[in-house]
Amino acid sequence: MPITRHPAPGSRTVDDNHIVVAVPVGAFANPDAPTLAEIDATTNHDVTYSFVPGGFEPTSTQETIPDPRHTLGASLQKPGRKTPSFQNPLEWVFGTEDDVADPILEEGSEWHFVVRDNVPYTAAFAAQQLVEIHTVRIGERITNRPTNGIFTRRATATYTRPVVREYALPSA
């Protein structure tokens, strides 16, 4: 039976369909399975629009493990350790009275960055929405020289826990 052909699937732009919430480490009873109430708490910070383009780009690499076999004519491999990181240092705007990220991203502070994609920014967190949780420690803050008329700061963020990927938020 031949393969089923499908038209090109639709797509959604990232504009206004992404949110990043900074949650203080210690706020989740279980960092691998936070509740809706823990994510939506007033002690958390919406830092989505504090970051500049390229200033919040989580990524990951994965090692490979050789899996040689006696007389096999091919060299096999298995997936190895994963190393989460950020493609660039975190980078955010600062310098106004309504700064969000700048007052909290202090050197040595630890945060869970809860990231939700493909849902309108203004939509409330709800059961079954998928999020990623990046738990990090903030490194030294460096003030960038003004570029294009805005002030920014940057800092390295190091991971302190494995990334929780595609976590479906539980019912309240």
N, C-alpha and C. Protein backbone atom coordinates (compact mmCIF):
# COMPACT_ATOMS: atom_id res chain seq x y z
N MET A 1 0.84 -1.18 0.00
CA MET A 1 0.00 0.00 0.00
C MET A 1 0.89 1.24 0.00
N PRO A 2 0.64 2.22 -0.86
CA PRO A 2 1.50 3.41 -0.94
C PRO A 2 1.32 4.33 0.28
N ILE A 3 2.31 5.16 0.46
CA ILE A 3 2.28 6.12 1.56
C ILE A 3 1.14 7.12 1.36
N THR A 4 0.53 7.55 2.44
CA THR A 4 -0.52 8.56 2.37
C THR A 4 0.12 9.93 2.21
N ARG A 5 -0.30 10.66 1.22
CA ARG A 5 0.23 11.99 0.96
C ARG A 5 -0.62 13.02 1.69
N HIS A 6 0.03 14.03 2.26
CA HIS A 6 -0.67 15.10 2.99
C HIS A 6 -0.22 16.45 2.47
N PRO A 7 -1.12 17.44 2.47
CA PRO A 7 -0.68 18.78 2.10
C PRO A 7 0.25 19.33 3.18
N ALA A 8 0.95 20.41 2.86
CA ALA A 8 1.85 21.02 3.84
C ALA A 8 1.07 21.42 5.08
N PRO A 9 1.54 21.06 6.27
CA PRO A 9 0.81 21.42 7.48
C PRO A 9 0.89 22.92 7.73
N GLY A 10 -0.07 23.42 8.46
CA GLY A 10 -0.06 24.83 8.84
C GLY A 10 1.06 25.10 9.82
N SER A 11 1.30 26.38 10.08
CA SER A 11 2.33 26.76 11.04
C SER A 11 1.84 27.95 11.84
N ARG A 12 2.51 28.21 12.94
CA ARG A 12 2.17 29.33 13.79
C ARG A 12 3.44 30.14 14.04
N THR A 13 3.33 31.45 13.99
CA THR A 13 4.49 32.27 14.27
C THR A 13 4.76 32.29 15.77
N VAL A 14 5.99 32.58 16.13
CA VAL A 14 6.35 32.64 17.55
C VAL A 14 5.88 33.93 18.20
N ASP A 15 5.61 34.96 17.40
CA ASP A 15 5.19 36.24 17.96
C ASP A 15 3.96 36.07 18.84
N ASP A 16 4.08 36.49 20.09
CA ASP A 16 2.98 36.45 21.06
C ASP A 16 2.43 35.05 21.31
N ASN A 17 3.23 34.02 21.06
CA ASN A 17 2.82 32.64 21.33
C ASN A 17 3.88 31.91 22.14
N HIS A 18 4.46 32.62 23.12
CA HIS A 18 5.59 32.08 23.90
C HIS A 18 5.63 32.85 25.22
N ILE A 19 5.93 32.16 26.31
CA ILE A 19 6.07 32.83 27.61
C ILE A 19 7.21 32.16 28.38
N VAL A 20 7.97 32.97 29.11
CA VAL A 20 9.02 32.49 29.99
C VAL A 20 8.73 33.06 31.38
N VAL A 21 8.54 32.18 32.35
CA VAL A 21 8.26 32.59 33.73
C VAL A 21 9.42 32.14 34.60
N ALA A 22 9.96 33.07 35.40
CA ALA A 22 11.04 32.76 36.34
C ALA A 22 10.42 32.45 37.69
N VAL A 23 10.71 31.24 38.18
CA VAL A 23 10.17 30.78 39.47
C VAL A 23 11.36 30.52 40.39
N PRO A 24 11.38 31.10 41.59
CA PRO A 24 12.51 30.88 42.50
C PRO A 24 12.68 29.39 42.82
N VAL A 25 13.92 28.92 42.80
CA VAL A 25 14.17 27.53 43.20
C VAL A 25 13.71 27.38 44.65
N GLY A 26 13.02 26.29 44.91
CA GLY A 26 12.45 26.05 46.23
C GLY A 26 10.95 26.26 46.24
N ALA A 27 10.41 26.91 45.20
CA ALA A 27 8.98 27.19 45.14
C ALA A 27 8.15 25.97 44.73
N PHE A 28 8.79 24.99 44.08
CA PHE A 28 8.07 23.78 43.66
C PHE A 28 8.29 22.68 44.69
N ALA A 29 7.22 22.07 45.15
CA ALA A 29 7.35 20.92 46.05
C ALA A 29 8.08 19.79 45.34
N ASN A 30 7.78 19.60 44.04
CA ASN A 30 8.45 18.60 43.22
C ASN A 30 8.89 19.29 41.94
N PRO A 31 10.19 19.61 41.78
CA PRO A 31 10.65 20.33 40.59
C PRO A 31 10.41 19.59 39.27
N ASP A 32 10.17 18.29 39.33
CA ASP A 32 9.90 17.53 38.12
C ASP A 32 8.41 17.54 37.76
N ALA A 33 7.57 18.00 38.68
CA ALA A 33 6.12 17.96 38.45
C ALA A 33 5.43 19.09 39.21
N PRO A 34 5.68 20.34 38.82
CA PRO A 34 5.03 21.45 39.52
C PRO A 34 3.53 21.50 39.24
N THR A 35 2.81 22.12 40.15
CA THR A 35 1.37 22.28 39.99
C THR A 35 1.07 23.59 39.27
N LEU A 36 -0.16 23.72 38.81
CA LEU A 36 -0.59 24.97 38.19
C LEU A 36 -0.46 26.13 39.18
N ALA A 37 -0.87 25.91 40.41
CA ALA A 37 -0.80 26.97 41.42
C ALA A 37 0.64 27.41 41.67
N GLU A 38 1.59 26.46 41.65
CA GLU A 38 2.99 26.82 41.86
C GLU A 38 3.55 27.64 40.69
N ILE A 39 3.13 27.33 39.48
CA ILE A 39 3.60 28.07 38.30
C ILE A 39 2.95 29.44 38.22
N ASP A 40 1.71 29.54 38.66
CA ASP A 40 0.94 30.78 38.54
C ASP A 40 1.03 31.66 39.79
N ALA A 41 1.92 31.36 40.72
CA ALA A 41 2.01 32.10 41.98
C ALA A 41 2.47 33.54 41.76
N THR A 42 2.03 34.43 42.62
CA THR A 42 2.38 35.85 42.49
C THR A 42 3.85 36.11 42.79
N THR A 43 4.56 35.16 43.36
CA THR A 43 6.00 35.33 43.63
C THR A 43 6.85 35.07 42.39
N ASN A 44 6.23 34.62 41.31
CA ASN A 44 6.94 34.34 40.07
C ASN A 44 6.99 35.58 39.19
N HIS A 45 7.85 35.55 38.18
CA HIS A 45 8.09 36.73 37.35
C HIS A 45 8.00 36.36 35.87
N ASP A 46 7.16 37.07 35.15
CA ASP A 46 7.08 36.92 33.69
C ASP A 46 8.23 37.71 33.09
N VAL A 47 9.24 37.00 32.61
CA VAL A 47 10.43 37.65 32.05
C VAL A 47 10.49 37.57 30.52
N THR A 48 9.41 37.15 29.91
CA THR A 48 9.37 36.93 28.46
C THR A 48 9.94 38.11 27.69
N TYR A 49 9.39 39.29 27.92
CA TYR A 49 9.76 40.45 27.11
C TYR A 49 10.95 41.20 27.68
N SER A 50 11.57 40.67 28.73
CA SER A 50 12.81 41.25 29.24
C SER A 50 14.00 40.81 28.40
N PHE A 51 13.92 39.60 27.84
CA PHE A 51 15.04 39.08 27.05
C PHE A 51 15.07 39.71 25.66
N VAL A 52 16.28 39.93 25.16
CA VAL A 52 16.46 40.44 23.80
C VAL A 52 16.49 39.25 22.84
N PRO A 53 16.30 39.47 21.53
CA PRO A 53 16.42 38.35 20.59
C PRO A 53 17.79 37.66 20.77
N GLY A 54 17.77 36.37 20.89
CA GLY A 54 19.00 35.60 21.12
C GLY A 54 19.43 35.56 22.57
N GLY A 55 18.71 36.25 23.45
CA GLY A 55 19.08 36.32 24.87
C GLY A 55 18.52 35.21 25.73
N PHE A 56 17.68 34.34 25.15
CA PHE A 56 17.17 33.17 25.87
C PHE A 56 17.00 32.06 24.86
N GLU A 57 18.08 31.29 24.65
CA GLU A 57 18.07 30.23 23.64
C GLU A 57 18.60 28.93 24.23
N PRO A 58 17.75 28.20 24.96
CA PRO A 58 18.20 26.91 25.49
C PRO A 58 18.55 25.95 24.36
N THR A 59 19.55 25.14 24.60
CA THR A 59 19.95 24.13 23.63
C THR A 59 20.49 22.93 24.40
N SER A 60 20.90 21.91 23.71
CA SER A 60 21.43 20.72 24.37
C SER A 60 22.31 19.96 23.39
N THR A 61 23.32 19.32 23.93
CA THR A 61 24.12 18.39 23.12
C THR A 61 24.04 17.02 23.78
N GLN A 62 24.32 16.00 23.00
CA GLN A 62 24.30 14.65 23.53
C GLN A 62 25.51 13.90 23.02
N GLU A 63 26.22 13.31 23.96
CA GLU A 63 27.39 12.50 23.61
C GLU A 63 26.93 11.20 22.96
N THR A 64 27.86 10.54 22.29
CA THR A 64 27.59 9.20 21.77
C THR A 64 28.55 8.22 22.44
N ILE A 65 28.08 7.03 22.63
CA ILE A 65 28.87 5.97 23.26
C ILE A 65 29.17 4.92 22.20
N PRO A 66 30.45 4.63 21.97
CA PRO A 66 30.77 3.58 21.00
C PRO A 66 30.21 2.23 21.47
N ASP A 67 29.72 1.47 20.53
CA ASP A 67 29.16 0.15 20.84
C ASP A 67 29.72 -0.86 19.83
N PRO A 68 31.06 -1.07 19.86
CA PRO A 68 31.66 -1.97 18.87
C PRO A 68 31.26 -3.43 19.11
N ARG A 69 31.22 -4.17 18.03
CA ARG A 69 30.87 -5.60 18.09
C ARG A 69 31.92 -6.42 17.35
N HIS A 70 32.22 -7.56 17.91
CA HIS A 70 33.21 -8.48 17.34
C HIS A 70 32.83 -8.83 15.91
N THR A 71 33.67 -8.53 14.99
CA THR A 71 33.61 -8.82 13.56
C THR A 71 32.47 -8.12 12.81
N LEU A 72 31.70 -7.27 13.47
CA LEU A 72 30.64 -6.54 12.76
C LEU A 72 31.27 -5.51 11.85
N GLY A 73 30.81 -5.40 10.64
CA GLY A 73 31.39 -4.49 9.65
C GLY A 73 30.97 -3.04 9.81
N ALA A 74 30.30 -2.71 10.87
CA ALA A 74 29.88 -1.32 11.11
C ALA A 74 30.17 -0.96 12.55
N SER A 75 30.45 0.30 12.79
CA SER A 75 30.65 0.79 14.16
C SER A 75 29.33 1.33 14.67
N LEU A 76 28.78 0.68 15.68
CA LEU A 76 27.50 1.11 16.24
C LEU A 76 27.73 2.13 17.35
N GLN A 77 26.68 2.88 17.68
CA GLN A 77 26.73 3.86 18.76
C GLN A 77 25.41 3.85 19.51
N LYS A 78 25.48 4.36 20.74
CA LYS A 78 24.29 4.55 21.56
C LYS A 78 24.28 5.99 22.05
N PRO A 79 23.08 6.51 22.37
CA PRO A 79 23.04 7.86 22.91
C PRO A 79 23.69 7.90 24.30
N GLY A 80 24.42 8.98 24.57
CA GLY A 80 25.10 9.13 25.85
C GLY A 80 24.53 10.28 26.65
N ARG A 81 25.38 10.87 27.48
CA ARG A 81 24.96 11.95 28.38
C ARG A 81 24.49 13.18 27.61
N LYS A 82 23.49 13.83 28.18
CA LYS A 82 22.97 15.08 27.61
C LYS A 82 23.56 16.24 28.40
N THR A 83 23.88 17.31 27.70
CA THR A 83 24.42 18.50 28.35
C THR A 83 23.57 19.70 27.93
N PRO A 84 22.63 20.11 28.80
CA PRO A 84 21.85 21.30 28.47
C PRO A 84 22.69 22.55 28.66
N SER A 85 22.41 23.56 27.87
CA SER A 85 23.13 24.83 27.99
C SER A 85 22.31 25.89 27.27
N PHE A 86 22.84 27.09 27.25
CA PHE A 86 22.25 28.16 26.47
C PHE A 86 23.20 28.47 25.33
N GLN A 87 22.65 28.70 24.15
CA GLN A 87 23.47 28.97 22.98
C GLN A 87 24.34 30.21 23.20
N ASN A 88 23.79 31.19 23.91
CA ASN A 88 24.49 32.41 24.26
C ASN A 88 24.24 32.68 25.74
N PRO A 89 24.98 33.58 26.35
CA PRO A 89 24.60 33.97 27.71
C PRO A 89 23.18 34.56 27.71
N LEU A 90 22.49 34.46 28.84
CA LEU A 90 21.21 35.16 28.96
C LEU A 90 21.47 36.64 28.74
N GLU A 91 20.57 37.32 28.07
CA GLU A 91 20.74 38.76 27.85
C GLU A 91 19.38 39.43 27.94
N TRP A 92 19.32 40.50 28.77
CA TRP A 92 18.05 41.17 29.02
C TRP A 92 18.24 42.68 29.03
N VAL A 93 17.12 43.39 28.87
CA VAL A 93 17.13 44.85 28.91
C VAL A 93 17.09 45.31 30.36
N PHE A 94 17.60 46.54 30.60
CA PHE A 94 17.50 47.13 31.93
C PHE A 94 17.59 48.64 31.82
N GLY A 95 17.28 49.30 32.91
CA GLY A 95 17.47 50.74 32.97
C GLY A 95 16.22 51.55 33.16
N THR A 96 15.08 50.89 33.34
CA THR A 96 13.85 51.65 33.60
C THR A 96 13.23 51.18 34.92
N GLU A 97 12.26 51.94 35.39
CA GLU A 97 11.64 51.60 36.67
C GLU A 97 10.77 50.34 36.59
N ASP A 98 10.44 49.88 35.39
CA ASP A 98 9.62 48.67 35.28
C ASP A 98 10.43 47.44 34.87
N ASP A 99 11.73 47.46 35.14
CA ASP A 99 12.56 46.27 34.87
C ASP A 99 11.98 45.05 35.58
N VAL A 100 12.00 43.92 34.91
CA VAL A 100 11.52 42.68 35.51
C VAL A 100 12.70 41.74 35.77
N ALA A 101 13.46 41.42 34.73
CA ALA A 101 14.56 40.45 34.88
C ALA A 101 15.73 41.02 35.67
N ASP A 102 16.06 42.27 35.45
CA ASP A 102 17.28 42.83 36.05
C ASP A 102 17.31 42.75 37.58
N PRO A 103 16.25 43.08 38.28
CA PRO A 103 16.34 43.01 39.75
C PRO A 103 16.45 41.58 40.30
N ILE A 104 16.02 40.59 39.53
CA ILE A 104 15.99 39.22 40.08
C ILE A 104 17.15 38.35 39.61
N LEU A 105 17.70 38.63 38.45
CA LEU A 105 18.76 37.77 37.91
C LEU A 105 20.12 38.18 38.49
N GLU A 106 20.23 38.05 39.78
CA GLU A 106 21.46 38.38 40.50
C GLU A 106 22.43 37.20 40.45
N GLU A 107 23.72 37.49 40.47
CA GLU A 107 24.72 36.43 40.49
C GLU A 107 24.47 35.49 41.67
N GLY A 108 24.46 34.20 41.40
CA GLY A 108 24.25 33.18 42.43
C GLY A 108 22.79 32.82 42.66
N SER A 109 21.86 33.61 42.12
CA SER A 109 20.45 33.26 42.30
C SER A 109 20.11 32.03 41.45
N GLU A 110 19.11 31.29 41.89
CA GLU A 110 18.71 30.06 41.19
C GLU A 110 17.24 30.15 40.82
N TRP A 111 16.97 29.77 39.59
CA TRP A 111 15.63 29.91 39.03
C TRP A 111 15.22 28.69 38.23
N HIS A 112 13.92 28.42 38.26
CA HIS A 112 13.29 27.53 37.29
C HIS A 112 12.72 28.44 36.22
N PHE A 113 13.18 28.32 34.98
CA PHE A 113 12.55 29.02 33.88
C PHE A 113 11.51 28.08 33.27
N VAL A 114 10.24 28.42 33.43
CA VAL A 114 9.15 27.63 32.87
C VAL A 114 8.81 28.24 31.52
N VAL A 115 8.92 27.43 30.47
CA VAL A 115 8.75 27.92 29.10
C VAL A 115 7.55 27.21 28.48
N ARG A 116 6.62 28.01 27.98
CA ARG A 116 5.46 27.47 27.27
C ARG A 116 5.47 28.03 25.86
N ASP A 117 5.37 27.16 24.87
CA ASP A 117 5.36 27.55 23.46
C ASP A 117 4.02 27.22 22.82
N ASN A 118 3.77 27.90 21.71
CA ASN A 118 2.65 27.57 20.82
C ASN A 118 1.28 27.75 21.48
N VAL A 119 1.22 28.63 22.47
CA VAL A 119 -0.03 29.01 23.12
C VAL A 119 0.02 30.53 23.21
N PRO A 120 -1.07 31.23 22.96
CA PRO A 120 -1.02 32.69 23.04
C PRO A 120 -0.43 33.17 24.38
N TYR A 121 0.42 34.17 24.28
CA TYR A 121 1.11 34.72 25.45
C TYR A 121 0.13 35.08 26.55
N THR A 122 -1.00 35.66 26.20
CA THR A 122 -1.96 36.13 27.20
C THR A 122 -2.82 35.03 27.81
N ALA A 123 -2.78 33.82 27.25
CA ALA A 123 -3.59 32.72 27.78
C ALA A 123 -3.07 32.28 29.15
N ALA A 124 -3.98 32.01 30.04
CA ALA A 124 -3.61 31.51 31.37
C ALA A 124 -3.01 30.11 31.23
N PHE A 125 -2.10 29.77 32.16
CA PHE A 125 -1.62 28.39 32.20
C PHE A 125 -2.81 27.49 32.51
N ALA A 126 -2.87 26.35 31.84
CA ALA A 126 -4.01 25.45 32.00
C ALA A 126 -3.55 24.00 31.92
N ALA A 127 -4.39 23.12 32.45
CA ALA A 127 -4.10 21.69 32.44
C ALA A 127 -3.84 21.20 31.03
N GLN A 128 -2.90 20.30 30.90
CA GLN A 128 -2.50 19.63 29.68
C GLN A 128 -1.64 20.49 28.75
N GLN A 129 -1.42 21.76 29.05
CA GLN A 129 -0.46 22.52 28.26
C GLN A 129 0.93 21.96 28.53
N LEU A 130 1.77 21.95 27.50
CA LEU A 130 3.13 21.42 27.64
C LEU A 130 4.10 22.55 27.95
N VAL A 131 4.97 22.31 28.92
CA VAL A 131 6.01 23.28 29.28
C VAL A 131 7.35 22.57 29.39
N GLU A 132 8.42 23.37 29.33
CA GLU A 132 9.76 22.90 29.65
C GLU A 132 10.19 23.64 30.91
N ILE A 133 11.01 22.99 31.72
CA ILE A 133 11.50 23.61 32.94
C ILE A 133 13.02 23.54 32.93
N HIS A 134 13.65 24.71 32.92
CA HIS A 134 15.11 24.85 32.91
C HIS A 134 15.52 25.40 34.27
N THR A 135 16.24 24.60 35.05
CA THR A 135 16.65 25.02 36.39
C THR A 135 18.12 25.42 36.34
N VAL A 136 18.37 26.70 36.68
CA VAL A 136 19.71 27.26 36.46
C VAL A 136 20.17 28.11 37.63
N ARG A 137 21.48 28.32 37.67
CA ARG A 137 22.13 29.27 38.59
C ARG A 137 22.72 30.38 37.73
N ILE A 138 22.50 31.61 38.14
CA ILE A 138 22.95 32.77 37.38
C ILE A 138 24.40 33.08 37.74
N GLY A 139 25.22 33.29 36.72
CA GLY A 139 26.62 33.64 36.92
C GLY A 139 26.81 35.15 36.98
N GLU A 140 28.04 35.56 36.78
CA GLU A 140 28.39 36.98 36.85
C GLU A 140 27.60 37.80 35.84
N ARG A 141 27.05 38.92 36.31
CA ARG A 141 26.32 39.85 35.44
C ARG A 141 27.30 40.84 34.83
N ILE A 142 27.15 41.07 33.55
CA ILE A 142 28.02 42.00 32.84
C ILE A 142 27.13 42.99 32.10
N THR A 143 27.40 44.27 32.28
CA THR A 143 26.66 45.30 31.55
C THR A 143 27.28 45.46 30.18
N ASN A 144 26.45 45.32 29.16
CA ASN A 144 26.91 45.51 27.78
C ASN A 144 26.97 46.99 27.47
N ARG A 145 27.87 47.35 26.61
CA ARG A 145 27.90 48.73 26.14
C ARG A 145 26.65 48.95 25.30
N PRO A 146 26.04 50.12 25.37
CA PRO A 146 24.80 50.36 24.63
C PRO A 146 24.95 50.07 23.14
N THR A 147 23.99 49.33 22.63
CA THR A 147 23.95 49.07 21.20
C THR A 147 22.55 49.40 20.71
N ASN A 148 22.49 50.06 19.60
CA ASN A 148 21.20 50.42 19.01
C ASN A 148 20.31 51.17 19.99
N GLY A 149 20.94 51.86 20.94
CA GLY A 149 20.17 52.72 21.82
C GLY A 149 19.54 52.08 23.04
N ILE A 150 19.81 50.80 23.32
CA ILE A 150 19.23 50.17 24.51
C ILE A 150 20.34 49.64 25.41
N PHE A 151 20.08 49.62 26.71
CA PHE A 151 21.01 49.04 27.66
C PHE A 151 20.62 47.60 27.92
N THR A 152 21.63 46.73 27.92
CA THR A 152 21.38 45.31 28.22
C THR A 152 22.45 44.79 29.17
N ARG A 153 22.11 43.73 29.85
CA ARG A 153 23.06 42.98 30.67
C ARG A 153 23.02 41.54 30.21
N ARG A 154 24.11 40.81 30.54
CA ARG A 154 24.15 39.39 30.21
C ARG A 154 24.78 38.64 31.37
N ALA A 155 24.48 37.37 31.43
CA ALA A 155 25.06 36.48 32.44
C ALA A 155 24.98 35.05 31.94
N THR A 156 25.98 34.29 32.30
CA THR A 156 25.95 32.86 32.00
C THR A 156 24.97 32.20 32.97
N ALA A 157 24.22 31.25 32.47
CA ALA A 157 23.33 30.46 33.32
C ALA A 157 23.78 29.01 33.22
N THR A 158 24.05 28.39 34.37
CA THR A 158 24.47 26.99 34.38
C THR A 158 23.35 26.12 34.94
N TYR A 159 23.19 24.97 34.36
CA TYR A 159 22.11 24.08 34.76
C TYR A 159 22.46 23.35 36.06
N THR A 160 21.47 23.28 36.95
CA THR A 160 21.64 22.58 38.23
C THR A 160 20.79 21.32 38.31
N ARG A 161 19.91 21.11 37.33
CA ARG A 161 19.07 19.91 37.24
C ARG A 161 18.87 19.59 35.75
N PRO A 162 18.53 18.34 35.45
CA PRO A 162 18.18 18.03 34.06
C PRO A 162 16.93 18.83 33.63
N VAL A 163 16.84 19.11 32.35
CA VAL A 163 15.68 19.81 31.81
C VAL A 163 14.47 18.89 31.87
N VAL A 164 13.34 19.43 32.29
CA VAL A 164 12.07 18.71 32.23
C VAL A 164 11.42 19.12 30.93
N ARG A 165 11.26 18.18 30.03
CA ARG A 165 10.74 18.48 28.69
C ARG A 165 9.32 17.94 28.52
N GLU A 166 8.53 18.69 27.79
CA GLU A 166 7.17 18.28 27.44
C GLU A 166 6.37 17.79 28.64
N TYR A 167 6.44 18.58 29.70
CA TYR A 167 5.66 18.27 30.91
C TYR A 167 4.24 18.80 30.73
N ALA A 168 3.27 17.92 30.80
CA ALA A 168 1.86 18.30 30.68
C ALA A 168 1.37 18.78 32.04
N LEU A 169 0.97 20.03 32.11
CA LEU A 169 0.51 20.60 33.37
C LEU A 169 -0.67 19.80 33.91
N PRO A 170 -0.68 19.51 35.21
CA PRO A 170 -1.77 18.72 35.78
C PRO A 170 -3.02 19.58 36.00
N SER A 171 -4.13 18.93 36.22
CA SER A 171 -5.35 19.64 36.58
C SER A 171 -5.15 20.28 37.94
N ALA A 172 -5.86 21.36 38.17
CA ALA A 172 -5.72 22.09 39.46
C ALA A 172 -6.13 21.26 40.65
